[in-house]
Amino acid sequence: MTAISCTAAQKVDEFTTKSGKKVTITCIKHASIEINYDGVEIEVDPVGLGAKPETDYSKFPKANIILITHEHRDHFEREAITLLRTPATTTYSNLAVYNMFRNSLVLNNGDSVTYRDDITLKAVPAYNYTEGHTQFHPKGRDNGYILTLDGLRIYIAGDTEDIPEMAEVKDIDIAFLPCNQPYTMTIDQLVNAAKIIKPKVLFPYHYSNTPVNQAVLKLAGSGIDVRVRDYQ
């Protein structure tokens, strides 16, 4: 695949798993993502009325799985989770979110869990290493996630820089990589991370006002299909 700049207005992308099942990924905003696979509704870092543009999660399908990367207010909102949950919903988070919410299962960096035979989840490191930025996301606290749906591997990086542990993130079909300073990556760090991970499809996300089309240009010819959606 070649690097392309897709319209940010497009909200839904569709993918097919190894056995032909459909996965839809819907752009909500910033770090909030909706994934549906074989009738399983997955919400990533849902934030509703507490961040622009406002999102009314009462109008969304109830979630089977909720993933929370960390406790910052642009990733964790108690009200949105409450609207999405049912007694059967499984919420996975880091320890800091659990200490604030208590209605989640804690995954530490390196932990893996099987939701069902065709759905697995692994928590991976997400942190800052740049001097003067490490207080934003200290090493060992926050999660990224590798979500595997019938063999389709989705890497949701969370708030991180291009950390050495990304060398262990392999065979990724779809990657979500953040790009905004001073909290996550620069354009050049994003490009470096993409070249390390080598996803088939890359969604820059959590990018605020960063001109992420520069990353599209820098990754031209890399074989990575770069899709820019409205994750500002």
C-alpha atoms as a PDB file:
ATOM      1  CA  MET A   1       0.000   0.000   0.000  1.00  0.00           C
ATOM      2  CA  THR A   2       1.113   3.582  -0.595  1.00  0.00           C
ATOM      3  CA  ALA A   3       0.851   6.537   1.748  1.00  0.00           C
ATOM      4  CA  ILE A   4      -2.266   8.566   1.017  1.00  0.00           C
ATOM      5  CA  SER A   5      -4.048  11.506   2.584  1.00  0.00           C
ATOM      6  CA  CYS A   6      -7.663  10.485   3.038  1.00  0.00           C
ATOM      7  CA  THR A   7     -10.298  13.035   3.819  1.00  0.00           C
ATOM      8  CA  ALA A   8     -10.722  13.725   7.504  1.00  0.00           C
ATOM      9  CA  ALA A   9     -14.465  13.959   6.857  1.00  0.00           C
ATOM     10  CA  GLN A  10     -14.652  10.196   6.369  1.00  0.00           C
ATOM     11  CA  LYS A  11     -15.716   8.633   9.649  1.00  0.00           C
ATOM     12  CA  VAL A  12     -15.868   4.874   9.063  1.00  0.00           C
ATOM     13  CA  ASP A  13     -13.236   2.482   7.730  1.00  0.00           C
ATOM     14  CA  GLU A  14     -13.941  -1.177   7.049  1.00  0.00           C
ATOM     15  CA  PHE A  15     -11.540  -4.085   7.226  1.00  0.00           C
ATOM     16  CA  THR A  16     -11.849  -7.850   6.799  1.00  0.00           C
ATOM     17  CA  THR A  17     -10.372 -10.483   9.116  1.00  0.00           C
ATOM     18  CA  LYS A  18      -8.624 -13.662   7.978  1.00  0.00           C
ATOM     19  CA  SER A  19     -11.901 -15.599   8.030  1.00  0.00           C
ATOM     20  CA  GLY A  20     -13.841 -12.892   6.226  1.00  0.00           C
ATOM     21  CA  LYS A  21     -15.521 -11.163   9.154  1.00  0.00           C
ATOM     22  CA  LYS A  22     -16.030  -7.408   8.986  1.00  0.00           C
ATOM     23  CA  VAL A  23     -14.378  -4.923  11.326  1.00  0.00           C
ATOM     24  CA  THR A  24     -15.581  -1.328  11.259  1.00  0.00           C
ATOM     25  CA  ILE A  25     -13.592   1.475  12.858  1.00  0.00           C
ATOM     26  CA  THR A  26     -15.402   4.749  13.455  1.00  0.00           C
ATOM     27  CA  CYS A  27     -13.565   7.978  14.210  1.00  0.00           C
ATOM     28  CA  ILE A  28     -15.190   9.737  17.160  1.00  0.00           C
ATOM     29  CA  LYS A  29     -12.598  12.376  18.072  1.00  0.00           C
ATOM     30  CA  HIS A  30      -9.088  12.921  19.469  1.00  0.00           C
ATOM     31  CA  ALA A  31      -8.416   9.586  21.227  1.00  0.00           C
ATOM     32  CA  SER A  32     -11.959   8.193  21.168  1.00  0.00           C
ATOM     33  CA  ILE A  33     -12.485   5.284  18.758  1.00  0.00           C
ATOM     34  CA  GLU A  34     -15.415   2.942  18.132  1.00  0.00           C
ATOM     35  CA  ILE A  35     -14.648  -0.555  16.825  1.00  0.00           C
ATOM     36  CA  ASN A  36     -17.236  -3.167  15.901  1.00  0.00           C
ATOM     37  CA  TYR A  37     -16.305  -6.763  15.117  1.00  0.00           C
ATOM     38  CA  ASP A  38     -18.794  -9.579  14.585  1.00  0.00           C
ATOM     39  CA  GLY A  39     -21.386  -7.817  16.725  1.00  0.00           C
ATOM     40  CA  VAL A  40     -18.908  -7.006  19.498  1.00  0.00           C
ATOM     41  CA  GLU A  41     -18.953  -3.286  20.313  1.00  0.00           C
ATOM     42  CA  ILE A  42     -15.603  -1.917  21.512  1.00  0.00           C
ATOM     43  CA  GLU A  43     -15.121   1.648  22.730  1.00  0.00           C
ATOM     44  CA  VAL A  44     -11.653   3.111  23.199  1.00  0.00           C
ATOM     45  CA  ASP A  45     -11.124   6.049  25.578  1.00  0.00           C
ATOM     46  CA  PRO A  46     -14.715   7.323  25.346  1.00  0.00           C
ATOM     47  CA  VAL A  47     -15.055  10.971  26.349  1.00  0.00           C
ATOM     48  CA  GLY A  48     -18.489  12.489  25.887  1.00  0.00           C
ATOM     49  CA  LEU A  49     -19.656  15.955  26.845  1.00  0.00           C
ATOM     50  CA  GLY A  50     -16.393  16.843  28.569  1.00  0.00           C
ATOM     51  CA  ALA A  51     -14.444  17.475  25.358  1.00  0.00           C
ATOM     52  CA  LYS A  52     -15.146  19.221  22.062  1.00  0.00           C
ATOM     53  CA  PRO A  53     -16.790  18.196  19.870  1.00  0.00           C
ATOM     54  CA  GLU A  54     -19.292  16.906  22.399  1.00  0.00           C
ATOM     55  CA  THR A  55     -20.314  13.272  21.993  1.00  0.00           C
ATOM     56  CA  ASP A  56     -23.584  11.895  23.352  1.00  0.00           C
ATOM     57  CA  TYR A  57     -22.769   8.299  24.230  1.00  0.00           C
ATOM     58  CA  SER A  58     -26.360   7.668  25.272  1.00  0.00           C
ATOM     59  CA  LYS A  59     -27.068   7.374  21.531  1.00  0.00           C
ATOM     60  CA  PHE A  60     -24.348   4.759  20.997  1.00  0.00           C
ATOM     61  CA  PRO A  61     -24.812   0.988  21.154  1.00  0.00           C
ATOM     62  CA  LYS A  62     -23.989  -0.465  24.542  1.00  0.00           C
ATOM     63  CA  ALA A  63     -20.385  -1.614  24.722  1.00  0.00           C
ATOM     64  CA  ASN A  64     -19.190  -5.167  25.177  1.00  0.00           C
ATOM     65  CA  ILE A  65     -15.625  -3.976  25.782  1.00  0.00           C
ATOM     66  CA  ILE A  66     -14.298  -0.589  26.916  1.00  0.00           C
ATOM     67  CA  LEU A  67     -10.554   0.131  26.779  1.00  0.00           C
ATOM     68  CA  ILE A  68      -9.085   2.993  28.813  1.00  0.00           C
ATOM     69  CA  THR A  69      -5.424   3.814  28.251  1.00  0.00           C
ATOM     70  CA  HIS A  70      -4.978   6.144  31.231  1.00  0.00           C
ATOM     71  CA  GLU A  71      -6.661   8.592  33.550  1.00  0.00           C
ATOM     72  CA  HIS A  72      -6.227  11.953  31.788  1.00  0.00           C
ATOM     73  CA  ARG A  73      -9.517  13.703  31.122  1.00  0.00           C
ATOM     74  CA  ASP A  74      -9.209  13.450  27.328  1.00  0.00           C
ATOM     75  CA  HIS A  75      -9.096   9.639  27.729  1.00  0.00           C
ATOM     76  CA  PHE A  76     -11.130   8.830  30.815  1.00  0.00           C
ATOM     77  CA  GLU A  77     -14.597  10.147  31.547  1.00  0.00           C
ATOM     78  CA  ARG A  78     -16.708   8.360  34.131  1.00  0.00           C
ATOM     79  CA  GLU A  79     -19.991   9.626  32.690  1.00  0.00           C
ATOM     80  CA  ALA A  80     -19.311   8.313  29.190  1.00  0.00           C
ATOM     81  CA  ILE A  81     -18.346   4.906  30.526  1.00  0.00           C
ATOM     82  CA  THR A  82     -21.502   4.764  32.623  1.00  0.00           C
ATOM     83  CA  LEU A  83     -23.659   5.494  29.573  1.00  0.00           C
ATOM     84  CA  LEU A  84     -21.970   2.721  27.579  1.00  0.00           C
ATOM     85  CA  ARG A  85     -21.851   0.028  30.251  1.00  0.00           C
ATOM     86  CA  THR A  86     -24.236  -2.801  30.998  1.00  0.00           C
ATOM     87  CA  PRO A  87     -23.734  -5.483  33.672  1.00  0.00           C
ATOM     88  CA  ALA A  88     -22.108  -7.589  30.935  1.00  0.00           C
ATOM     89  CA  THR A  89     -19.611  -4.928  29.792  1.00  0.00           C
ATOM     90  CA  THR A  90     -15.935  -5.593  30.451  1.00  0.00           C
ATOM     91  CA  THR A  91     -13.797  -2.497  31.004  1.00  0.00           C
ATOM     92  CA  TYR A  92     -10.010  -2.769  30.901  1.00  0.00           C
ATOM     93  CA  SER A  93      -7.752  -0.017  32.236  1.00  0.00           C
ATOM     94  CA  ASN A  94      -4.502   0.800  33.943  1.00  0.00           C
ATOM     95  CA  LEU A  95      -4.269   0.809  37.740  1.00  0.00           C
ATOM     96  CA  ALA A  96      -4.677   4.591  38.041  1.00  0.00           C
ATOM     97  CA  VAL A  97      -8.090   4.483  36.331  1.00  0.00           C
ATOM     98  CA  TYR A  98      -9.139   1.549  38.501  1.00  0.00           C
ATOM     99  CA  ASN A  99      -8.236   3.521  41.624  1.00  0.00           C
ATOM    100  CA  MET A 100     -10.559   6.296  40.452  1.00  0.00           C
ATOM    101  CA  PHE A 101     -13.387   4.192  39.049  1.00  0.00           C
ATOM    102  CA  ARG A 102     -13.234   0.639  40.483  1.00  0.00           C
ATOM    103  CA  ASN A 103     -15.416  -0.728  37.694  1.00  0.00           C
ATOM    104  CA  SER A 104     -12.575  -2.021  35.535  1.00  0.00           C
ATOM    105  CA  LEU A 105     -10.156  -4.906  35.251  1.00  0.00           C
ATOM    106  CA  VAL A 106      -6.544  -3.811  35.605  1.00  0.00           C
ATOM    107  CA  LEU A 107      -4.005  -4.634  32.937  1.00  0.00           C
ATOM    108  CA  ASN A 108      -0.392  -3.701  33.587  1.00  0.00           C
ATOM    109  CA  ASN A 109       2.220  -3.321  30.869  1.00  0.00           C
ATOM    110  CA  GLY A 110       2.857  -6.784  29.436  1.00  0.00           C
ATOM    111  CA  ASP A 111      -0.412  -8.353  30.631  1.00  0.00           C
ATOM    112  CA  SER A 112      -2.547 -10.289  28.153  1.00  0.00           C
ATOM    113  CA  VAL A 113      -6.155 -11.401  28.349  1.00  0.00           C
ATOM    114  CA  THR A 114      -8.480 -13.498  26.193  1.00  0.00           C
ATOM    115  CA  TYR A 115     -11.991 -12.058  25.944  1.00  0.00           C
ATOM    116  CA  ARG A 116     -13.120 -14.973  23.801  1.00  0.00           C
ATOM    117  CA  ASP A 117     -11.342 -17.364  21.445  1.00  0.00           C
ATOM    118  CA  ASP A 118     -11.133 -14.838  18.598  1.00  0.00           C
ATOM    119  CA  ILE A 119     -10.593 -11.674  20.672  1.00  0.00           C
ATOM    120  CA  THR A 120      -7.404 -11.078  22.653  1.00  0.00           C
ATOM    121  CA  LEU A 121      -5.874  -8.015  24.241  1.00  0.00           C
ATOM    122  CA  LYS A 122      -2.350  -7.150  25.339  1.00  0.00           C
ATOM    123  CA  ALA A 123      -1.341  -4.067  27.329  1.00  0.00           C
ATOM    124  CA  VAL A 124       1.935  -2.513  26.185  1.00  0.00           C
ATOM    125  CA  PRO A 125       4.003   0.418  27.481  1.00  0.00           C
ATOM    126  CA  ALA A 126       3.085   4.020  26.685  1.00  0.00           C
ATOM    127  CA  TYR A 127       5.211   6.815  28.118  1.00  0.00           C
ATOM    128  CA  ASN A 128       7.307   9.955  27.569  1.00  0.00           C
ATOM    129  CA  TYR A 129      11.091   9.841  27.588  1.00  0.00           C
ATOM    130  CA  THR A 130      11.962  13.384  26.407  1.00  0.00           C
ATOM    131  CA  GLU A 131      13.534  15.478  29.158  1.00  0.00           C
ATOM    132  CA  GLY A 132      10.963  17.881  30.546  1.00  0.00           C
ATOM    133  CA  HIS A 133       8.042  15.762  29.299  1.00  0.00           C
ATOM    134  CA  THR A 134       8.292  12.636  31.447  1.00  0.00           C
ATOM    135  CA  GLN A 135       5.864  14.012  34.026  1.00  0.00           C
ATOM    136  CA  PHE A 136       3.024  13.824  31.496  1.00  0.00           C
ATOM    137  CA  HIS A 137       3.124  10.059  31.032  1.00  0.00           C
ATOM    138  CA  PRO A 138       5.670   8.375  33.306  1.00  0.00           C
ATOM    139  CA  LYS A 139       7.053   4.990  32.372  1.00  0.00           C
ATOM    140  CA  GLY A 140       5.074   2.048  33.735  1.00  0.00           C
ATOM    141  CA  ARG A 141       1.812   3.871  34.490  1.00  0.00           C
ATOM    142  CA  ASP A 142      -0.165   4.012  31.243  1.00  0.00           C
ATOM    143  CA  ASN A 143      -1.195   1.469  28.631  1.00  0.00           C
ATOM    144  CA  GLY A 144      -1.194   1.082  24.920  1.00  0.00           C
ATOM    145  CA  TYR A 145      -3.126  -1.924  23.629  1.00  0.00           C
ATOM    146  CA  ILE A 146      -2.747  -4.559  20.935  1.00  0.00           C
ATOM    147  CA  LEU A 147      -6.237  -5.781  20.126  1.00  0.00           C
ATOM    148  CA  THR A 148      -6.454  -8.911  17.997  1.00  0.00           C
ATOM    149  CA  LEU A 149      -9.760  -9.685  16.288  1.00  0.00           C
ATOM    150  CA  ASP A 150      -9.783 -13.001  14.426  1.00  0.00           C
ATOM    151  CA  GLY A 151      -6.127 -12.439  13.537  1.00  0.00           C
ATOM    152  CA  LEU A 152      -6.508  -8.742  12.630  1.00  0.00           C
ATOM    153  CA  ARG A 153      -4.026  -6.919  14.857  1.00  0.00           C
ATOM    154  CA  ILE A 154      -4.804  -3.343  15.927  1.00  0.00           C
ATOM    155  CA  TYR A 155      -2.248  -1.308  17.881  1.00  0.00           C
ATOM    156  CA  ILE A 156      -3.718   1.574  19.900  1.00  0.00           C
ATOM    157  CA  ALA A 157      -0.621   3.337  21.175  1.00  0.00           C
ATOM    158  CA  GLY A 158      -2.131   5.624  23.810  1.00  0.00           C
ATOM    159  CA  ASP A 159      -0.144   8.675  24.880  1.00  0.00           C
ATOM    160  CA  THR A 160       3.447   7.827  24.112  1.00  0.00           C
ATOM    161  CA  GLU A 161       6.600   8.756  22.274  1.00  0.00           C
ATOM    162  CA  ASP A 162       8.528   6.448  19.916  1.00  0.00           C
ATOM    163  CA  ILE A 163       9.745   4.297  22.778  1.00  0.00           C
ATOM    164  CA  PRO A 164      12.202   1.379  22.404  1.00  0.00           C
ATOM    165  CA  GLU A 165       9.482  -1.135  23.278  1.00  0.00           C
ATOM    166  CA  MET A 166       7.845  -0.429  19.922  1.00  0.00           C
ATOM    167  CA  ALA A 167      10.439  -2.739  18.381  1.00  0.00           C
ATOM    168  CA  GLU A 168       8.481  -5.582  19.996  1.00  0.00           C
ATOM    169  CA  VAL A 169       5.181  -4.472  18.445  1.00  0.00           C
ATOM    170  CA  LYS A 170       5.040  -6.721  15.397  1.00  0.00           C
ATOM    171  CA  ASP A 171       2.713  -7.909  12.653  1.00  0.00           C
ATOM    172  CA  ILE A 172       0.372  -4.943  13.036  1.00  0.00           C
ATOM    173  CA  ASP A 173      -2.398  -4.458  10.499  1.00  0.00           C
ATOM    174  CA  ILE A 174      -3.759  -1.152  11.843  1.00  0.00           C
ATOM    175  CA  ALA A 175      -1.950   1.327  14.102  1.00  0.00           C
ATOM    176  CA  PHE A 176      -3.168   4.416  15.922  1.00  0.00           C
ATOM    177  CA  LEU A 177      -0.209   6.654  16.765  1.00  0.00           C
ATOM    178  CA  PRO A 178      -0.505   9.984  18.655  1.00  0.00           C
ATOM    179  CA  CYS A 179       1.150  13.186  17.505  1.00  0.00           C
ATOM    180  CA  ASN A 180       0.966  16.371  19.561  1.00  0.00           C
ATOM    181  CA  GLN A 181       3.539  18.241  21.583  1.00  0.00           C
ATOM    182  CA  PRO A 182       4.534  18.330  24.337  1.00  0.00           C
ATOM    183  CA  TYR A 183       2.414  15.368  25.391  1.00  0.00           C
ATOM    184  CA  THR A 184       3.082  12.734  22.729  1.00  0.00           C
ATOM    185  CA  MET A 185       5.125  12.533  19.524  1.00  0.00           C
ATOM    186  CA  THR A 186       6.536  15.040  17.091  1.00  0.00           C
ATOM    187  CA  ILE A 187       5.938  14.475  13.379  1.00  0.00           C
ATOM    188  CA  ASP A 188       9.425  12.968  13.072  1.00  0.00           C
ATOM    189  CA  GLN A 189       8.829  10.677  16.051  1.00  0.00           C
ATOM    190  CA  LEU A 190       5.545   9.543  14.515  1.00  0.00           C
ATOM    191  CA  VAL A 191       7.299   8.766  11.249  1.00  0.00           C
ATOM    192  CA  ASN A 192      10.029   6.885  13.105  1.00  0.00           C
ATOM    193  CA  ALA A 193       7.471   4.894  15.093  1.00  0.00           C
ATOM    194  CA  ALA A 194       5.608   4.000  11.905  1.00  0.00           C
ATOM    195  CA  LYS A 195       8.813   2.782  10.279  1.00  0.00           C
ATOM    196  CA  ILE A 196       9.608   0.653  13.339  1.00  0.00           C
ATOM    197  CA  ILE A 197       6.142  -0.898  13.624  1.00  0.00           C
ATOM    198  CA  LYS A 198       5.443  -1.103   9.880  1.00  0.00           C
ATOM    199  CA  PRO A 199       1.638  -1.262  10.088  1.00  0.00           C
ATOM    200  CA  LYS A 200      -0.307  -1.881   6.927  1.00  0.00           C
ATOM    201  CA  VAL A 201      -2.612   1.037   7.785  1.00  0.00           C
ATOM    202  CA  LEU A 202      -1.744   4.009   9.994  1.00  0.00           C
ATOM    203  CA  PHE A 203      -4.179   6.430  11.582  1.00  0.00           C
ATOM    204  CA  PRO A 204      -2.461   9.440  13.173  1.00  0.00           C
ATOM    205  CA  TYR A 205      -4.624  10.365  16.152  1.00  0.00           C
ATOM    206  CA  HIS A 206      -4.639  12.567  19.255  1.00  0.00           C
ATOM    207  CA  TYR A 207      -3.073  15.237  17.051  1.00  0.00           C
ATOM    208  CA  SER A 208      -4.772  18.499  18.143  1.00  0.00           C
ATOM    209  CA  ASN A 209      -3.436  21.195  15.804  1.00  0.00           C
ATOM    210  CA  THR A 210      -0.418  19.251  14.562  1.00  0.00           C
ATOM    211  CA  PRO A 211      -0.184  19.323  10.724  1.00  0.00           C
ATOM    212  CA  VAL A 212      -0.219  15.536  10.387  1.00  0.00           C
ATOM    213  CA  ASN A 213      -0.315  15.695   6.592  1.00  0.00           C
ATOM    214  CA  GLN A 214       3.429  16.276   6.933  1.00  0.00           C
ATOM    215  CA  ALA A 215       3.664  12.702   8.191  1.00  0.00           C
ATOM    216  CA  VAL A 216       1.774  11.550   5.105  1.00  0.00           C
ATOM    217  CA  LEU A 217       4.403  13.189   2.914  1.00  0.00           C
ATOM    218  CA  LYS A 218       7.315  11.829   4.942  1.00  0.00           C
ATOM    219  CA  LEU A 219       5.902   8.289   4.730  1.00  0.00           C
ATOM    220  CA  ALA A 220       5.276   8.407   0.984  1.00  0.00           C
ATOM    221  CA  GLY A 221       6.811   5.331  -0.601  1.00  0.00           C
ATOM    222  CA  SER A 222       7.036   3.478   2.709  1.00  0.00           C
ATOM    223  CA  GLY A 223       4.269   1.040   1.814  1.00  0.00           C
ATOM    224  CA  ILE A 224       2.190   2.268   4.779  1.00  0.00           C
ATOM    225  CA  ASP A 225      -1.354   3.356   3.985  1.00  0.00           C
ATOM    226  CA  VAL A 226      -1.690   6.574   6.019  1.00  0.00           C
ATOM    227  CA  ARG A 227      -5.281   7.635   6.643  1.00  0.00           C
ATOM    228  CA  VAL A 228      -5.985  11.020   8.185  1.00  0.00           C
ATOM    229  CA  ARG A 229      -9.291  11.199  10.005  1.00  0.00           C
ATOM    230  CA  ASP A 230     -10.692  13.858  12.323  1.00  0.00           C
ATOM    231  CA  TYR A 231      -8.845  12.780  15.467  1.00  0.00           C
ATOM    232  CA  GLN A 232      -7.981  16.371  16.321  1.00  0.00           C
END
